[in-house]
Every structure is written in C-alpha cells, then in structure tokens.
Protein backbone atom coordinates (compact mmCIF):
# COMPACT_ATOMS: atom_id res chain seq x y z
CA MET A 1 49.89 91.26 135.80
CA GLU A 2 49.20 89.31 138.98
CA GLN A 3 52.29 90.67 140.67
CA ARG A 4 51.04 94.21 140.22
CA LEU A 5 47.51 93.28 141.26
CA GLY A 6 48.94 91.66 144.38
CA ASN A 7 50.95 94.67 145.31
CA THR A 8 48.21 97.34 145.13
CA TRP A 9 48.88 98.22 148.78
CA ARG A 10 51.85 100.17 147.59
CA MET A 11 49.56 102.85 146.08
CA THR A 12 47.60 105.12 148.34
CA VAL A 13 43.91 105.80 148.03
CA ASN A 14 44.59 109.34 146.80
CA GLU A 15 46.81 108.04 143.99
CA LYS A 16 44.09 105.64 142.83
CA LYS A 17 41.47 108.37 142.90
CA PHE A 18 43.75 110.72 141.02
CA ILE A 19 44.21 108.18 138.16
CA GLU A 20 40.48 107.55 137.93
CA SER A 21 39.56 111.24 138.03
CA ALA A 22 42.12 112.00 135.32
CA LEU A 23 40.53 109.39 133.02
CA GLU A 24 37.14 111.13 133.40
CA SER A 25 38.70 114.07 131.60
CA GLU A 26 40.26 111.65 129.01
CA LEU A 27 43.72 112.23 130.36
CA ARG A 28 46.33 109.94 131.80
CA VAL A 29 49.04 110.40 134.37
CA ASP A 30 51.83 110.42 131.74
CA GLY A 31 49.91 112.91 129.52
CA ARG A 32 48.63 110.49 126.87
CA ARG A 33 45.18 110.08 125.55
CA PRO A 34 43.26 106.87 126.49
CA PHE A 35 44.07 105.17 123.19
CA ASP A 36 47.69 106.35 122.65
CA TYR A 37 50.77 104.15 122.78
CA ARG A 38 53.98 105.06 124.52
CA ALA A 39 57.18 105.74 122.56
CA LEU A 40 58.35 102.55 120.81
CA THR A 41 62.02 101.87 120.15
CA ILE A 42 63.35 98.73 118.41
CA LYS A 43 67.03 97.85 118.24
CA PHE A 44 68.92 94.89 116.90
CA GLY A 45 72.14 93.23 118.02
CA ARG A 46 75.17 92.29 115.92
CA GLU A 47 74.02 88.69 115.65
CA ASP A 48 70.95 87.62 113.62
CA GLY A 49 67.84 86.92 115.62
CA SER A 50 68.40 89.26 118.55
CA SER A 51 66.23 92.33 119.24
CA GLU A 52 65.67 94.80 122.01
CA VAL A 53 62.38 96.62 122.45
CA GLN A 54 61.61 99.54 124.74
CA LEU A 55 58.02 100.62 125.16
CA GLY A 56 58.03 103.55 127.54
CA GLN A 57 59.75 102.22 130.66
CA THR A 58 59.18 98.58 129.72
CA HIS A 59 62.39 97.01 128.41
CA ILE A 60 62.49 93.49 126.88
CA MET A 61 65.18 91.56 125.00
CA SER A 62 64.42 88.67 122.66
CA TYR A 63 66.76 86.06 121.20
CA VAL A 64 65.92 83.33 118.68
CA THR A 65 67.85 80.07 118.29
CA SER A 66 67.33 76.88 116.30
CA GLN A 67 68.37 73.23 116.42
CA LEU A 68 67.58 69.96 114.62
CA VAL A 69 65.19 67.72 116.51
CA GLN A 70 62.85 64.86 115.82
CA PRO A 71 59.30 65.99 114.89
CA TYR A 72 56.07 65.13 116.69
CA ARG A 73 54.37 61.92 115.56
CA ASP A 74 51.15 63.67 114.61
CA ARG A 75 53.05 66.31 112.64
CA PRO A 76 56.02 64.63 110.93
CA ASN A 77 56.42 67.29 108.21
CA GLU A 78 56.31 70.40 110.42
CA GLY A 79 58.90 72.06 112.57
CA ALA A 80 58.46 73.26 116.17
CA LEU A 81 58.04 76.74 117.61
CA SER A 82 58.31 77.47 121.35
CA VAL A 83 58.39 80.56 123.51
CA PHE A 84 60.11 80.90 126.89
CA THR A 85 60.04 83.87 129.25
CA GLU A 86 62.35 84.84 132.08
CA PHE A 87 61.19 87.18 134.82
CA SER A 88 64.19 88.51 136.70
CA PRO A 89 63.98 90.33 140.06
CA MET A 90 66.11 93.00 138.49
CA ALA A 91 63.09 94.01 136.37
CA ASP A 92 60.65 94.12 139.29
CA PRO A 93 61.05 93.39 142.99
CA SER A 94 57.81 91.39 142.95
CA PHE A 95 59.34 88.87 140.49
CA GLU A 96 60.90 85.79 142.00
CA ALA A 97 63.92 84.03 140.60
CA GLY A 98 63.98 80.34 139.82
CA ARG A 99 60.79 78.56 138.85
CA PRO A 100 58.64 80.47 136.27
CA SER A 101 55.59 82.10 137.85
CA GLU A 102 52.04 82.00 136.62
CA SER A 103 52.54 85.40 134.98
CA ALA A 104 55.58 84.15 133.07
CA VAL A 105 53.72 81.09 131.81
CA GLU A 106 50.75 83.24 130.82
CA LEU A 107 52.89 85.66 128.91
CA GLY A 108 54.60 82.87 127.01
CA ARG A 109 51.24 81.29 126.10
CA ILE A 110 49.80 84.55 124.80
CA ILE A 111 52.78 85.11 122.51
CA ASP A 112 52.85 81.42 121.45
CA ARG A 113 49.16 81.33 120.70
CA GLY A 114 49.26 84.37 118.53
CA LEU A 115 52.12 82.93 116.44
CA ARG A 116 51.09 79.30 116.32
CA GLU A 117 47.34 79.50 115.90
CA SER A 118 47.59 82.09 113.17
CA ARG A 119 50.35 80.12 111.38
CA ALA A 120 52.42 83.25 111.04
CA VAL A 121 55.59 81.18 110.68
CA ASP A 122 55.70 78.53 107.95
CA THR A 123 56.51 75.46 110.00
CA GLU A 124 56.45 73.15 106.93
CA SER A 125 59.51 74.88 105.56
CA LEU A 126 61.40 73.87 108.67
CA CYS A 127 61.21 70.17 107.73
CA VAL A 128 64.53 68.62 106.63
CA VAL A 129 63.72 64.88 106.54
CA ALA A 130 60.08 63.94 106.98
CA GLY A 131 59.58 62.06 110.20
CA LYS A 132 63.21 62.24 111.17
CA TRP A 133 64.71 65.78 111.31
CA VAL A 134 63.05 69.16 111.53
CA TRP A 135 64.09 72.59 112.82
CA SER A 136 62.94 73.63 116.28
CA ILE A 137 62.70 77.44 116.67
CA ARG A 138 63.08 78.73 120.25
CA ILE A 139 62.23 82.30 121.30
CA ASP A 140 63.66 83.48 124.63
CA LEU A 141 62.17 86.61 126.15
CA HIS A 142 64.08 88.37 128.95
CA ILE A 143 62.31 91.03 130.97
CA LEU A 144 64.86 93.78 131.74
CA ASP A 145 62.50 96.34 133.19
CA ASN A 146 58.79 96.14 133.95
CA GLY A 147 57.07 99.44 133.16
CA GLY A 148 53.71 97.90 132.36
CA ASN A 149 52.11 96.15 129.37
CA LEU A 150 54.60 93.30 129.04
CA VAL A 151 52.40 91.44 126.54
CA ASP A 152 52.62 94.04 123.80
CA ALA A 153 56.36 94.73 124.27
CA ALA A 154 57.19 91.03 124.34
CA ASN A 155 55.15 90.36 121.22
CA ILE A 156 56.91 93.11 119.28
CA ALA A 157 60.35 91.85 120.47
CA ALA A 158 59.54 88.30 119.35
CA LEU A 159 58.39 89.40 115.91
CA ALA A 160 61.41 91.59 115.35
CA ALA A 161 63.78 88.74 116.33
CA LEU A 162 61.94 86.26 114.07
CA LEU A 163 62.21 88.60 111.06
CA THR A 164 65.98 89.04 111.47
CA PHE A 165 66.79 85.37 112.34
CA ARG A 166 68.58 83.11 109.86
CA ARG A 167 69.02 79.38 110.27
CA PRO A 168 72.02 77.44 108.85
CA GLU A 169 71.55 75.87 105.47
CA CYS A 170 71.68 72.07 105.36
CA THR A 171 71.92 69.52 102.55
CA LEU A 172 71.18 65.82 102.34
CA GLY A 173 73.74 63.26 101.24
CA GLY A 174 75.03 59.81 101.91
CA ASP A 175 74.14 56.50 100.29
CA ASP A 176 70.49 56.63 101.32
CA GLY A 177 70.18 60.41 101.01
CA GLN A 178 69.26 60.72 104.70
CA GLU A 179 72.57 62.15 105.99
CA VAL A 180 72.20 65.83 106.97
CA THR A 181 75.16 68.20 106.52
CA LEU A 182 75.07 71.63 108.18
CA HIS A 183 76.99 74.40 106.40
CA PRO A 184 78.53 77.24 108.45
CA PRO A 185 77.74 80.85 107.49
CA GLU A 186 81.22 81.26 105.96
CA VAL A 187 80.46 78.49 103.43
CA ARG A 188 76.79 79.17 102.60
CA GLU A 189 74.53 82.03 103.37
CA PRO A 190 72.01 81.25 106.16
CA LEU A 191 68.33 81.16 105.25
CA PRO A 192 65.67 83.43 106.83
CA LEU A 193 62.39 82.20 108.17
CA ILE A 194 59.26 82.41 106.12
CA VAL A 195 56.82 84.73 107.94
CA HIS A 196 53.46 85.18 106.31
CA HIS A 197 52.11 87.99 108.47
CA LEU A 198 52.79 89.79 111.71
CA PRO A 199 50.27 89.13 114.55
CA ILE A 200 50.31 92.21 116.78
CA ALA A 201 49.08 92.06 120.37
CA VAL A 202 47.17 95.03 121.75
CA THR A 203 46.29 95.10 125.44
CA PHE A 204 43.33 97.01 126.94
CA ALA A 205 42.97 97.81 130.64
CA PHE A 206 39.53 98.38 132.25
CA ILE A 207 39.59 100.85 135.14
CA GLY A 208 36.38 101.37 137.05
CA ASP A 209 33.09 100.66 135.33
CA GLU A 210 33.35 102.99 132.35
CA HIS A 211 37.00 103.76 131.57
CA MET A 212 39.13 101.78 129.10
CA VAL A 213 42.73 102.57 128.18
CA ILE A 214 45.29 101.07 125.87
CA ASP A 215 48.94 100.21 126.69
CA PRO A 216 48.59 100.53 130.52
CA THR A 217 51.52 101.51 132.68
CA HIS A 218 52.46 99.74 135.89
CA HIS A 219 50.54 102.33 137.92
CA GLU A 220 47.38 101.79 135.83
CA GLU A 221 47.81 98.03 136.08
CA ALA A 222 47.79 98.35 139.84
CA VAL A 223 44.31 99.98 139.85
CA MET A 224 42.70 98.23 136.86
CA GLY A 225 39.83 95.83 137.38
CA GLY A 226 40.60 93.65 134.35
CA ARG A 227 42.45 93.52 131.04
CA MET A 228 42.10 91.92 127.61
CA SER A 229 44.78 91.23 124.99
CA VAL A 230 43.70 91.10 121.33
CA THR A 231 46.09 89.81 118.63
CA LEU A 232 45.46 90.99 115.04
CA ASN A 233 47.47 91.45 111.86
CA ALA A 234 47.57 94.42 109.47
CA ASN A 235 44.67 92.93 107.41
CA GLY A 236 42.36 93.00 110.40
CA ASP A 237 42.29 89.23 110.91
CA VAL A 238 41.76 88.22 114.53
CA CYS A 239 44.50 85.77 115.58
CA ALA A 240 43.79 85.41 119.31
CA ILE A 241 41.95 87.03 122.23
CA GLN A 242 43.04 86.64 125.87
CA LYS A 243 40.74 87.72 128.73
CA ALA A 244 42.41 86.94 132.06
CA GLY A 245 39.64 87.27 134.59
CA GLY A 246 38.55 90.47 136.23
CA HIS A 247 35.50 92.49 135.32
CA GLY A 248 33.15 91.22 132.64
CA VAL A 249 33.21 92.89 129.22
CA MET A 250 30.16 93.50 127.07
CA GLN A 251 30.04 92.33 123.41
CA SER A 252 29.82 95.90 122.14
CA VAL A 253 32.97 96.75 124.12
CA VAL A 254 34.83 93.76 122.60
CA MET A 255 33.88 94.90 119.09
CA GLN A 256 35.07 98.42 119.89
CA CYS A 257 38.34 97.02 121.13
CA LEU A 258 38.76 95.06 117.93
CA ARG A 259 38.24 98.14 115.76
CA ILE A 260 40.78 100.14 117.77
CA ALA A 261 43.27 97.24 117.82
CA SER A 262 43.05 96.89 114.02
CA VAL A 263 44.23 100.48 113.56
CA LYS A 264 47.01 100.16 116.13
CA ALA A 265 48.15 96.82 114.61
CA GLY A 266 48.63 98.52 111.21
CA ASP A 267 50.72 101.29 112.71
CA ILE A 268 52.95 98.97 114.66
CA THR A 269 53.38 96.62 111.71
CA SER A 270 54.65 99.51 109.55
CA LYS A 271 57.14 100.54 112.25
CA ILE A 272 58.51 96.95 112.54
CA LYS A 273 58.91 96.55 108.79
CA THR A 274 60.66 99.89 108.47
CA VAL A 275 63.19 99.05 111.18
CA VAL A 276 63.73 95.50 109.84
CA GLU A 277 64.36 96.78 106.31
CA SER A 278 66.98 99.22 107.59
CA TYR A 279 68.64 96.42 109.49
CA LYS A 280 68.77 94.20 106.41
CA THR A 281 70.29 96.99 104.38
CA GLU A 282 72.95 97.53 107.01
CA ARG A 283 73.64 93.82 107.19
CA ALA A 284 74.02 93.58 103.36
CA LEU A 285 76.55 96.41 103.50
CA ARG A 286 78.51 94.59 106.20
CA MET A 287 78.61 91.46 104.11
CA VAL A 288 80.13 93.26 101.12
CA LYS A 289 83.92 92.68 100.96
CA ARG A 290 85.62 95.95 100.30
CA HIS A 291 89.13 95.98 98.88
CA ALA A 292 91.61 98.91 98.79
CA PRO A 293 91.83 100.32 95.27
CA ILE A 294 94.98 99.36 93.39
CA ASN A 295 94.86 101.90 90.54
CA ALA A 296 93.93 105.53 90.86
CA VAL A 297 93.05 107.71 87.93
CA ASP A 298 94.01 111.33 87.67
CA VAL A 299 91.10 112.91 85.78
CA ASN A 300 92.32 116.51 86.25
CA GLU A 301 95.37 116.08 84.03
CA PRO A 302 95.63 118.66 81.20
CA GLY A 303 94.79 117.29 77.85
CA GLY A 304 91.72 115.41 79.04
CA GLN A 305 93.50 112.06 79.24
CA ALA A 306 93.36 109.97 82.39
CA LYS A 307 96.71 109.05 83.91
CA GLN A 308 97.03 105.64 85.58
CA ILE A 309 98.89 105.87 88.88
CA LEU A 310 100.02 102.65 90.42
CA GLU A 311 99.78 102.77 94.23
CA GLY A 312 101.03 99.27 94.93
CA GLN A 313 104.01 97.41 93.61
CA LYS A 314 104.44 97.75 89.86
CA LEU A 315 103.57 94.72 87.86
CA LYS A 316 106.39 93.38 85.77
CA SER A 317 105.75 93.68 82.07
CA GLU A 318 107.63 90.52 81.27
CA GLU A 319 105.26 88.28 83.25
CA CYS A 320 103.96 85.40 81.23
CA SER A 321 101.54 82.59 81.87
CA VAL A 322 103.33 79.28 82.33
CA SER A 323 101.63 75.98 81.69
CA GLN A 324 102.35 73.33 84.28
CA SER A 325 102.18 70.51 81.76
CA ASP A 326 104.41 72.03 79.08
CA ASP A 327 108.13 72.52 79.92
CA MET A 328 108.80 74.23 76.60
CA ASP A 329 106.59 77.14 77.63
CA VAL A 330 108.58 77.57 80.84
CA GLU A 331 111.88 77.75 78.98
CA GLN A 332 110.50 80.16 76.37
CA CYS A 333 109.26 82.45 79.11
CA ARG A 334 112.71 82.54 80.75
CA ILE A 335 114.37 83.37 77.43
CA ASN A 336 111.90 86.19 76.84
CA LYS A 337 112.60 87.65 80.27
CA ARG A 338 116.35 87.66 79.74
CA THR A 339 116.01 89.24 76.32
CA ASP A 340 113.74 91.99 77.61
CA LYS A 341 116.12 92.71 80.50
CA ASN A 342 119.11 93.02 78.15
CA ARG A 343 117.25 95.33 75.78
CA SER A 344 116.11 97.57 78.58
CA PHE A 345 119.72 98.43 79.52
CA THR A 346 121.60 100.92 77.28
CA GLY A 347 125.19 102.07 77.24
CA GLY A 348 126.86 99.17 79.06
CA PRO A 349 128.61 95.97 78.08
CA SER A 350 125.91 93.91 79.87
CA SER A 351 123.72 94.27 76.77
CA TRP A 352 126.17 92.27 74.73
CA ASP A 353 128.47 90.55 77.23
CA PRO A 354 126.84 87.41 78.78
CA TYR A 355 129.51 87.16 81.50
CA SER A 356 128.99 90.63 82.86
CA GLU A 357 125.54 89.85 84.28
CA GLY A 358 125.63 89.61 88.03
CA VAL A 359 129.29 90.86 88.48
CA ASN A 360 129.79 93.28 91.35
CA THR A 361 132.36 95.90 90.49
CA ASP A 362 133.23 96.62 94.14
CA GLU A 363 134.06 92.98 94.77
CA LEU A 364 136.07 92.83 91.61
CA LYS A 365 138.17 95.83 92.59
CA ALA A 366 138.80 94.40 96.07
CA THR A 367 139.93 91.04 94.51
CA LEU A 368 142.41 92.74 92.20
CA ALA A 369 143.83 94.83 94.99
CA SER A 370 144.27 91.71 97.24
CA ARG A 371 146.27 90.00 94.47
CA GLY A 372 148.76 92.81 94.30
CA SER A 373 147.63 94.35 91.02
CA VAL A 374 146.65 97.95 90.46
CA ALA A 375 144.04 98.59 87.81
CA VAL A 376 143.95 101.79 85.73
CA PRO A 377 141.61 104.29 87.37
CA MET A 378 138.07 104.07 86.00
CA ASN A 379 134.53 105.01 86.77
CA LEU A 380 132.95 102.00 88.47
CA ASP A 381 129.50 103.45 88.14
CA ASN A 382 129.65 103.26 84.35
CA LEU A 383 129.81 99.68 83.18
CA GLY A 384 130.54 100.90 79.64
CA ASP A 385 134.06 102.02 80.55
CA THR A 386 136.89 99.65 79.89
CA ILE A 387 138.54 97.65 82.64
CA ARG A 388 142.25 97.00 82.88
CA ASP A 389 143.39 93.60 83.93
CA GLU A 390 146.08 92.87 86.43
CA THR A 391 149.62 92.25 85.24
CA LYS A 392 150.81 88.80 84.67
CA SER A 393 153.69 87.83 86.98
CA ASP A 394 155.22 84.43 87.37
CA GLU A 395 157.68 85.48 90.03
CA PRO A 396 157.02 84.71 93.66
CA LEU A 397 155.16 87.41 95.52
CA SER A 398 157.67 87.46 98.36
CA ASP A 399 160.56 88.58 96.06
CA VAL A 400 158.78 91.40 94.36
CA ASN A 401 157.78 94.84 95.61
CA PRO A 402 154.03 94.86 95.31
CA VAL A 403 153.78 98.60 94.52
CA SER A 404 156.62 99.20 92.11
CA SER A 405 156.46 95.92 90.17
CA SER A 406 152.70 96.07 89.67
CA THR A 407 152.84 99.71 88.53
CA ASP A 408 155.59 99.07 85.92
CA SER A 409 153.88 95.93 84.60
CA ALA A 410 150.59 97.81 84.37
CA GLY A 411 152.25 100.55 82.30
CA LYS A 412 153.80 98.06 79.97
CA GLU A 413 150.55 96.24 79.58
CA MET A 414 148.81 99.48 78.57
CA ALA A 415 151.36 100.21 75.90
CA THR A 416 151.65 96.74 74.37
CA SER A 417 148.21 95.15 74.63
CA LYS A 418 144.85 96.27 73.36
CA GLU A 419 141.98 97.25 75.59
CA LYS A 420 140.39 94.33 77.47
CA THR A 421 136.76 93.87 78.38
CA LEU A 422 135.07 92.75 81.54
CA GLN A 423 135.10 89.18 80.24
CA ASP A 424 138.87 89.19 80.22
CA ALA A 425 138.92 90.33 83.86
CA VAL A 426 137.42 87.06 84.97
CA LYS A 427 140.28 84.57 85.27
CA PRO A 428 139.74 81.07 83.87
CA LYS A 429 139.68 78.24 86.35
CA ASN A 430 142.88 76.66 85.04
CA LYS A 431 144.93 79.88 85.49
CA ARG A 432 143.53 80.47 88.97
CA LYS A 433 144.55 77.00 90.05
CA LYS A 434 148.05 77.51 88.58
CA LYS A 435 148.48 80.81 90.41
CA LYS A 436 147.33 79.19 93.63
CA SER A 437 149.84 76.39 93.21
CA SER A 438 152.66 78.82 92.46
CA ASN A 439 151.86 80.82 95.53
CA THR A 440 151.96 77.67 97.59
CA ALA A 441 155.35 76.71 96.19
CA ALA A 442 156.77 80.17 96.94
CA VAL A 443 155.71 79.93 100.54
C-alpha cells in the first residue's frame, strides 16, 4: 500500500538486499515459497453477518448490515451493494484517523468491483417494491492489524460475512398492496442472500526485475516495485484486475499470474465453504428448542418390559376435556371426579358418607372438648372407627361439674344408644342455635 511505500526509510539497505537475495533462491523471509499463502483463519461472531479473518499477521473484521432504501432511477428493480473500509492507527502507525485515505478508498473499490461487476450477489432479489423500496447491503471492513496484503484478507472477510448474513423477511399489505411490514427474527426466519459465486482476490508483488511473489508481507510491500490484484472465481472466470502503478508487467507475466490465481482461488473457495457450512450447522443446532425429558424409560428392568418413570408431577387420571360451550360436559366431569375419588378410598366412612368429606378430625376433637364433652377414646387416624357424640345436657354449664357430669352422661349414652356415625357428630344448625341461646340465658 502507499503507506508502506512511503515509509521505506524504516528498512535499511541490508534488509532490502537480504529480501532480494533470498528470492533468488526461491525463499522468503518467513520461510514460504514464492507462491505460498500464509496461514488462513476464519471465525464468525454470534450475530449473523459478522466475520473475522486472520491471514498471517493481517487481521480484519467484517460486518454486514441492511436497510430499506429507495432504488436508483436507472435500476428500479435492483438493490444496492456498498463497501466501506476503516483504517485505524491501531493497525498501523502510518494510518491516519478521520477522513479515509487514498489506500482505504482503493481497497474498498477493489472489493466492490469484484463483487459488483461479476454480479456475485443477486441484487434483483433485494427488490421489495419496484421503484419504491429495495434492500441496501452495506459491508464494513475494519483493519485491526496490518501485516501485509490487505486486499486478499479483506476480500475473504467480506465474502464470509455475506454468506452468513440474513436479512429480515418482509411482506406487502395495505389497501394498495404497497405497505411493507418487517417481521422480527422471533416471528419469521430471516432470509439469506443469494450468492452465485465467490470472487477471490489474489495479489502479486513484483520485487526487482525478475522476482514475483504471492501474498506479500508488510516487509515485502516496503521493497516491492509494483503489485497487481487479480479477482477470479473457482471456475476460472476473471472478475476484475487491478494494477496500481509501479513497474510495467508483460502480457506473458499477466497470463502466468492468472493461471496461478485460478488454482489459489479454488483452494480458498473450498476453505470458505467448509467454514461456512460448519457455522450453519452450529447455528441450526442453536435454533433447535430443547426441552427437558418428562418421561424416562427403564430398559434394564428384568422381564424385558420397559417401566415408565414419571420425573415431573404425576398427571391426574381423572382429567377430562371440558367444552367451553357445553355446561353439561362440565357437570359430568365433576361428577366423574368425585366418583373416582370415593372409589379410590377403602376402609373408611368417606366412601359412603357424603358429610364426612373435608372434615378434620383434629378440629372436631377440639370442638367437642371445648363444649365440655368427652368422647370415647378412638383412633383418629382411622376414619372407619366409630365416633361417640357428646352428651346432651340442658342444664346450665355453670351449675354442672364439667368432668363428672360429662363422664356419667357419656357412660349412659354408651349403654342406652346405638353406635353413631360421623354424620351424627355434626350438629344441625337449629340445635346449635338453641344451645347458644341457652348458654346466653345461663350467663
């Protein structure tokens, strides 16, 4: 780049001669051959349309966004595609913050030309309403570290971000059918872009009069006399060629560069597709909603029969579907529940006594004791045992000994009356009112 060419004074004469002499032996400073690429690493973010590419020491991040805009007048049925680059001083001290430099503009044009002129992205599919609304795709390239060959690294980052980007789905409605409604990702699955092919940029650096290398580092860019970027796809179709000044290149050298770039483009395309497919698989697994299993099956049970083990709350067997429009179904469901509950209990009076349902024996015993009556000892845990009622006494409570009188009356009641059930223990309302009135008169 121009920044590197302008800062050649940083390298000494001995360093320049060492690089040129090493190329005479078909070796490079980092140990590569003249036509070898550095290690390529592609990563993706959590959001769709973000990628991070590292080519040797060159580190670039790409992010793709979209928005609805009005189309151009000469292309009312096509969407827009734009590329923006940001050169930060953090990546290289020679980069200046603020206004984009000539190198930043040149880098954006090389990437944009390779995508736009080759029609790699289907822009007609980005049209929503012809002549009114189309999708505008924006690619932002951020240079994190400049280790040389920014064109190739930025091109790979842009392609990886485009392949993983998904735009929101929109529908048309309204009276005239021109009203656009955007659906969030939670409502409808976003749609990916239609990419026909992958234009790969391959950069050649010309050092001296005879030496040519691929994927130059920042040290090689400082001593190179010229460079040329060739954009091709995996099929060998030439998408764009950029020759930014410097030494002149013979036609035979250009054809040689095209043959080499065609092989390199196929290798890089396969790497990008492999990484993108793994990302899509991981994304599909994240989108699957996983629920905790409710039932577990014990397959190791003797006898070869599987045993159903309920891990959550047990479902009630008496559940029935109730129709909201039919009240008779609701009543029938309640009757069935009560019948099943009575049949499920054995050995107690609650299976045949309708008044015993919901009676607390502890509260009943405390009520009898507070009224001054002593019941015959019984097992409160067994509802099948008989319950003795309190003695009937019309005399005022203040004139009677609570212990002796209640005990004698209870003994007489046992001898003269038959056994009473839990229904008889519940006093009718009229008797309870009478007893209350008698107690009030005694006081």
